[in-house]
Amino acid sequence: MYDDLRKIIIRRIVYQGQPGPEGGSGESRKTPLANKWMFYLTLIPAVVVVVVLGAFFFSIVLAIFVAVASVIGARLWWLRRKFRQAMSAAAGKNNELIEDAEIIEIKEDGKNDRKHR
């Protein structure tokens, strides 16, 4: 009953001058030279448009990348600057200057003996 709805019908239209499926002549289909030139004449402007649009969108993506990178760079610079100011302020409070220090750890029997020089 519903088997007719599931059928796939494929039709092939054979024009005059083209070999049919049972023709067996082995000739390849040749497109006229005018059709090839028309294809190339329409392909060249299409390629130019695609290249121009690609360059346009690439420049937009590049500009967004540069903006984001500069914001991140500015933020890192600002944090580094604040960190250096905090370190210099902390060093200003402690006027003690350590010129030379050396810590040597000697492990003996699982104990840590520290000698300070």
N, C-alpha and C. Protein backbone atom coordinates (compact mmCIF):
# COMPACT_ATOMS: atom_id res chain seq x y z
N MET A 1 0.82 -1.18 0.00
CA MET A 1 0.00 0.00 0.00
C MET A 1 0.87 1.25 0.00
N TYR A 2 1.83 1.34 0.95
CA TYR A 2 2.70 2.50 1.03
C TYR A 2 4.05 2.24 0.37
N ASP A 3 4.21 1.11 -0.30
CA ASP A 3 5.47 0.79 -0.95
C ASP A 3 5.78 1.75 -2.10
N ASP A 4 4.76 2.27 -2.73
CA ASP A 4 4.99 3.20 -3.84
C ASP A 4 5.60 4.52 -3.36
N LEU A 5 5.37 4.90 -2.12
CA LEU A 5 5.92 6.15 -1.60
C LEU A 5 7.40 6.01 -1.28
N ARG A 6 7.88 4.78 -1.09
CA ARG A 6 9.27 4.56 -0.72
C ARG A 6 10.18 4.35 -1.92
N LYS A 7 9.65 4.32 -3.10
CA LYS A 7 10.45 4.07 -4.28
C LYS A 7 11.22 5.33 -4.68
N ILE A 8 12.42 5.13 -5.13
CA ILE A 8 13.22 6.23 -5.66
C ILE A 8 13.27 6.05 -7.16
N ILE A 9 12.85 7.07 -7.84
CA ILE A 9 12.82 7.01 -9.29
C ILE A 9 13.93 7.90 -9.83
N ILE A 10 14.81 7.31 -10.61
CA ILE A 10 15.91 8.05 -11.21
C ILE A 10 15.68 8.06 -12.71
N ARG A 11 15.67 9.24 -13.27
CA ARG A 11 15.49 9.37 -14.70
C ARG A 11 16.71 10.01 -15.30
N ARG A 12 17.09 9.55 -16.44
CA ARG A 12 18.22 10.14 -17.14
C ARG A 12 17.72 10.63 -18.48
N ILE A 13 17.99 11.88 -18.72
CA ILE A 13 17.57 12.46 -19.98
C ILE A 13 18.74 12.40 -20.93
N VAL A 14 18.52 11.80 -22.06
CA VAL A 14 19.57 11.66 -23.07
C VAL A 14 19.26 12.64 -24.19
N TYR A 15 20.19 13.57 -24.40
CA TYR A 15 20.00 14.54 -25.47
C TYR A 15 20.56 13.97 -26.76
N GLN A 16 20.15 14.57 -27.80
CA GLN A 16 20.62 14.15 -29.11
C GLN A 16 22.12 14.43 -29.22
N GLY A 17 22.84 13.45 -29.64
CA GLY A 17 24.28 13.59 -29.80
C GLY A 17 25.06 13.04 -28.61
N GLN A 18 24.39 12.71 -27.52
CA GLN A 18 25.07 12.11 -26.39
C GLN A 18 24.80 10.61 -26.40
N PRO A 19 25.81 9.84 -26.05
CA PRO A 19 25.58 8.39 -26.05
C PRO A 19 24.70 8.00 -24.88
N GLY A 20 23.83 7.09 -25.10
CA GLY A 20 22.94 6.60 -24.07
C GLY A 20 23.63 5.53 -23.25
N PRO A 21 22.94 5.02 -22.22
CA PRO A 21 23.56 4.00 -21.38
C PRO A 21 23.81 2.71 -22.15
N GLU A 22 22.99 2.43 -23.11
CA GLU A 22 23.21 1.22 -23.88
C GLU A 22 23.95 1.49 -25.18
N GLY A 23 24.37 2.72 -25.39
CA GLY A 23 25.06 3.10 -26.62
C GLY A 23 26.41 2.43 -26.74
N GLY A 24 27.21 2.48 -25.69
CA GLY A 24 28.48 1.79 -25.67
C GLY A 24 29.50 2.33 -26.63
N SER A 25 29.33 3.54 -27.11
CA SER A 25 30.28 4.06 -28.08
C SER A 25 31.58 4.50 -27.40
N GLY A 26 31.57 4.75 -26.07
CA GLY A 26 32.79 5.09 -25.33
C GLY A 26 33.26 6.52 -25.52
N GLU A 27 32.47 7.34 -26.14
CA GLU A 27 32.87 8.74 -26.32
C GLU A 27 32.69 9.50 -25.02
N SER A 28 33.65 10.35 -24.70
CA SER A 28 33.51 11.19 -23.52
C SER A 28 32.74 12.44 -23.92
N ARG A 29 32.04 13.00 -22.96
CA ARG A 29 31.28 14.21 -23.23
C ARG A 29 32.24 15.38 -23.32
N LYS A 30 32.12 16.16 -24.34
CA LYS A 30 32.96 17.33 -24.52
C LYS A 30 32.09 18.57 -24.39
N THR A 31 32.56 19.51 -23.55
CA THR A 31 31.81 20.75 -23.41
C THR A 31 32.32 21.73 -24.46
N PRO A 32 31.44 22.52 -24.97
CA PRO A 32 31.86 23.51 -25.97
C PRO A 32 32.84 24.52 -25.36
N LEU A 33 33.68 25.08 -26.20
CA LEU A 33 34.70 26.02 -25.77
C LEU A 33 34.07 27.28 -25.18
N ALA A 34 32.95 27.70 -25.69
CA ALA A 34 32.28 28.90 -25.16
C ALA A 34 31.82 28.68 -23.73
N ASN A 35 31.39 27.48 -23.41
CA ASN A 35 30.96 27.19 -22.04
C ASN A 35 32.14 27.24 -21.08
N LYS A 36 33.29 26.76 -21.50
CA LYS A 36 34.48 26.81 -20.65
C LYS A 36 34.89 28.26 -20.37
N TRP A 37 34.86 29.09 -21.44
CA TRP A 37 35.23 30.49 -21.25
C TRP A 37 34.25 31.21 -20.35
N MET A 38 32.98 30.92 -20.47
CA MET A 38 31.97 31.54 -19.60
C MET A 38 32.18 31.10 -18.15
N PHE A 39 32.55 29.84 -17.96
CA PHE A 39 32.82 29.35 -16.61
C PHE A 39 33.99 30.11 -15.99
N TYR A 40 35.07 30.25 -16.74
CA TYR A 40 36.25 30.95 -16.22
C TYR A 40 35.98 32.44 -16.02
N LEU A 41 35.20 33.04 -16.89
CA LEU A 41 34.88 34.46 -16.75
C LEU A 41 34.00 34.73 -15.53
N THR A 42 33.20 33.77 -15.13
CA THR A 42 32.41 33.94 -13.90
C THR A 42 33.18 33.49 -12.67
N LEU A 43 34.14 32.60 -12.85
CA LEU A 43 34.91 32.12 -11.71
C LEU A 43 35.90 33.17 -11.21
N ILE A 44 36.51 33.91 -12.12
CA ILE A 44 37.52 34.90 -11.72
C ILE A 44 36.93 35.99 -10.82
N PRO A 45 35.81 36.63 -11.16
CA PRO A 45 35.25 37.62 -10.22
C PRO A 45 34.81 37.01 -8.90
N ALA A 46 34.33 35.78 -8.93
CA ALA A 46 33.93 35.13 -7.68
C ALA A 46 35.13 34.91 -6.78
N VAL A 47 36.25 34.49 -7.34
CA VAL A 47 37.46 34.28 -6.55
C VAL A 47 37.96 35.62 -5.99
N VAL A 48 37.91 36.67 -6.80
CA VAL A 48 38.35 37.99 -6.33
C VAL A 48 37.48 38.46 -5.17
N VAL A 49 36.18 38.28 -5.25
CA VAL A 49 35.27 38.69 -4.18
C VAL A 49 35.56 37.90 -2.91
N VAL A 50 35.77 36.60 -3.04
CA VAL A 50 36.05 35.77 -1.87
C VAL A 50 37.37 36.18 -1.22
N VAL A 51 38.39 36.47 -2.01
CA VAL A 51 39.68 36.89 -1.46
C VAL A 51 39.55 38.24 -0.75
N VAL A 52 38.82 39.18 -1.33
CA VAL A 52 38.64 40.49 -0.69
C VAL A 52 37.86 40.34 0.62
N LEU A 53 36.80 39.55 0.61
CA LEU A 53 36.05 39.34 1.85
C LEU A 53 36.90 38.62 2.90
N GLY A 54 37.71 37.67 2.48
CA GLY A 54 38.59 36.98 3.41
C GLY A 54 39.59 37.93 4.04
N ALA A 55 40.18 38.81 3.23
CA ALA A 55 41.13 39.79 3.77
C ALA A 55 40.43 40.75 4.73
N PHE A 56 39.22 41.15 4.41
CA PHE A 56 38.45 42.05 5.27
C PHE A 56 38.19 41.42 6.63
N PHE A 57 37.68 40.18 6.63
CA PHE A 57 37.38 39.52 7.90
C PHE A 57 38.65 39.17 8.66
N PHE A 58 39.73 38.85 7.96
CA PHE A 58 41.00 38.60 8.63
C PHE A 58 41.50 39.86 9.33
N SER A 59 41.34 41.00 8.69
CA SER A 59 41.77 42.25 9.32
C SER A 59 40.93 42.56 10.56
N ILE A 60 39.67 42.24 10.53
CA ILE A 60 38.82 42.45 11.70
C ILE A 60 39.26 41.54 12.85
N VAL A 61 39.51 40.28 12.55
CA VAL A 61 39.96 39.34 13.59
C VAL A 61 41.32 39.76 14.14
N LEU A 62 42.20 40.21 13.27
CA LEU A 62 43.52 40.67 13.71
C LEU A 62 43.40 41.90 14.62
N ALA A 63 42.52 42.82 14.28
CA ALA A 63 42.32 44.02 15.11
C ALA A 63 41.77 43.64 16.48
N ILE A 64 40.85 42.69 16.53
CA ILE A 64 40.30 42.24 17.81
C ILE A 64 41.40 41.58 18.64
N PHE A 65 42.23 40.77 18.00
CA PHE A 65 43.33 40.11 18.70
C PHE A 65 44.31 41.13 19.27
N VAL A 66 44.65 42.16 18.49
CA VAL A 66 45.58 43.19 18.96
C VAL A 66 44.97 43.96 20.14
N ALA A 67 43.68 44.25 20.07
CA ALA A 67 43.03 44.98 21.16
C ALA A 67 43.02 44.15 22.44
N VAL A 68 42.69 42.87 22.34
CA VAL A 68 42.67 42.02 23.53
C VAL A 68 44.07 41.85 24.10
N ALA A 69 45.06 41.65 23.22
CA ALA A 69 46.44 41.50 23.69
C ALA A 69 46.93 42.77 24.37
N SER A 70 46.56 43.94 23.85
CA SER A 70 47.01 45.18 24.48
C SER A 70 46.32 45.39 25.83
N VAL A 71 45.07 45.01 25.96
CA VAL A 71 44.38 45.12 27.26
C VAL A 71 45.03 44.19 28.28
N ILE A 72 45.33 42.97 27.88
CA ILE A 72 45.97 42.03 28.80
C ILE A 72 47.37 42.52 29.16
N GLY A 73 48.11 43.03 28.19
CA GLY A 73 49.44 43.56 28.46
C GLY A 73 49.40 44.75 29.40
N ALA A 74 48.44 45.64 29.21
CA ALA A 74 48.30 46.80 30.09
C ALA A 74 47.95 46.36 31.51
N ARG A 75 47.10 45.38 31.63
CA ARG A 75 46.73 44.86 32.96
C ARG A 75 47.93 44.24 33.65
N LEU A 76 48.73 43.46 32.95
CA LEU A 76 49.93 42.86 33.54
C LEU A 76 50.94 43.94 33.93
N TRP A 77 51.08 44.97 33.10
CA TRP A 77 51.99 46.07 33.43
C TRP A 77 51.53 46.78 34.70
N TRP A 78 50.24 47.01 34.81
CA TRP A 78 49.69 47.70 35.97
C TRP A 78 49.91 46.88 37.24
N LEU A 79 49.65 45.58 37.18
CA LEU A 79 49.85 44.73 38.35
C LEU A 79 51.33 44.65 38.73
N ARG A 80 52.19 44.57 37.76
CA ARG A 80 53.63 44.53 38.03
C ARG A 80 54.10 45.84 38.68
N ARG A 81 53.57 46.94 38.19
CA ARG A 81 53.92 48.25 38.74
C ARG A 81 53.48 48.36 40.19
N LYS A 82 52.25 47.92 40.49
CA LYS A 82 51.75 47.96 41.86
C LYS A 82 52.56 47.03 42.75
N PHE A 83 52.96 45.89 42.23
CA PHE A 83 53.76 44.95 43.01
C PHE A 83 55.12 45.56 43.35
N ARG A 84 55.74 46.20 42.38
CA ARG A 84 57.04 46.84 42.63
C ARG A 84 56.91 47.98 43.64
N GLN A 85 55.85 48.75 43.57
CA GLN A 85 55.64 49.82 44.54
C GLN A 85 55.45 49.25 45.94
N ALA A 86 54.71 48.15 46.04
CA ALA A 86 54.49 47.53 47.34
C ALA A 86 55.80 46.97 47.89
N MET A 87 56.61 46.40 47.02
CA MET A 87 57.90 45.86 47.47
C MET A 87 58.83 46.98 47.92
N SER A 88 58.85 48.09 47.21
CA SER A 88 59.72 49.20 47.61
C SER A 88 59.22 49.84 48.90
N ALA A 89 57.91 49.89 49.11
CA ALA A 89 57.36 50.42 50.35
C ALA A 89 57.70 49.51 51.52
N ALA A 90 57.64 48.21 51.31
CA ALA A 90 57.99 47.26 52.37
C ALA A 90 59.47 47.31 52.67
N ALA A 91 60.29 47.51 51.65
CA ALA A 91 61.74 47.61 51.87
C ALA A 91 62.08 48.92 52.58
N GLY A 92 61.30 49.96 52.37
CA GLY A 92 61.53 51.24 53.03
C GLY A 92 61.24 51.17 54.52
N LYS A 93 60.29 50.36 54.94
CA LYS A 93 59.94 50.22 56.36
C LYS A 93 61.03 49.45 57.10
N ASN A 94 61.57 48.45 56.46
CA ASN A 94 62.63 47.65 57.07
C ASN A 94 63.96 48.18 56.56
N ASN A 95 64.63 48.94 57.37
CA ASN A 95 65.89 49.55 56.95
C ASN A 95 67.07 48.61 57.11
N GLU A 96 66.82 47.41 57.55
CA GLU A 96 67.90 46.46 57.71
C GLU A 96 68.28 45.89 56.35
N LEU A 97 69.55 45.85 56.09
CA LEU A 97 70.04 45.36 54.83
C LEU A 97 70.87 44.11 55.08
N ILE A 98 70.49 43.03 54.46
CA ILE A 98 71.23 41.78 54.59
C ILE A 98 72.23 41.74 53.44
N GLU A 99 73.49 41.77 53.80
CA GLU A 99 74.51 41.79 52.76
C GLU A 99 74.82 40.40 52.23
N ASP A 100 74.99 39.45 53.13
CA ASP A 100 75.37 38.12 52.70
C ASP A 100 74.77 37.12 53.66
N ALA A 101 74.13 36.11 53.15
CA ALA A 101 73.53 35.09 53.99
C ALA A 101 73.68 33.75 53.29
N GLU A 102 73.90 32.72 54.11
CA GLU A 102 74.04 31.39 53.55
C GLU A 102 73.41 30.41 54.51
N ILE A 103 72.59 29.53 54.02
CA ILE A 103 71.95 28.52 54.84
C ILE A 103 72.40 27.17 54.31
N ILE A 104 72.93 26.35 55.20
CA ILE A 104 73.39 25.02 54.83
C ILE A 104 72.61 24.01 55.65
N GLU A 105 72.05 23.04 54.98
CA GLU A 105 71.31 21.99 55.67
C GLU A 105 72.11 20.71 55.59
N ILE A 106 72.31 20.07 56.72
CA ILE A 106 73.01 18.80 56.78
C ILE A 106 72.04 17.79 57.38
N LYS A 107 71.82 16.70 56.65
CA LYS A 107 70.89 15.68 57.12
C LYS A 107 71.69 14.54 57.73
N GLU A 108 71.37 14.23 58.97
CA GLU A 108 72.01 13.11 59.66
C GLU A 108 70.95 12.33 60.39
N ASP A 109 70.85 11.08 60.08
CA ASP A 109 69.93 10.16 60.75
C ASP A 109 68.50 10.68 60.78
N GLY A 110 68.08 11.26 59.69
CA GLY A 110 66.70 11.74 59.60
C GLY A 110 66.47 13.05 60.31
N LYS A 111 67.48 13.65 60.86
CA LYS A 111 67.34 14.94 61.55
C LYS A 111 67.84 16.05 60.64
N ASN A 112 67.29 17.19 60.78
CA ASN A 112 67.76 18.36 60.05
C ASN A 112 68.47 19.28 61.03
N ASP A 113 69.76 19.36 60.90
CA ASP A 113 70.54 20.29 61.69
C ASP A 113 70.88 21.46 60.83
N ARG A 114 70.56 22.64 61.26
CA ARG A 114 70.85 23.82 60.46
C ARG A 114 71.99 24.60 61.08
N LYS A 115 72.90 24.96 60.23
CA LYS A 115 74.01 25.80 60.69
C LYS A 115 73.93 27.10 59.92
N HIS A 116 73.94 28.16 60.65
CA HIS A 116 73.88 29.49 60.03
C HIS A 116 75.25 30.15 60.11
N ARG A 117 75.70 30.72 59.06
CA ARG A 117 76.97 31.44 59.06
C ARG A 117 76.72 32.90 58.82
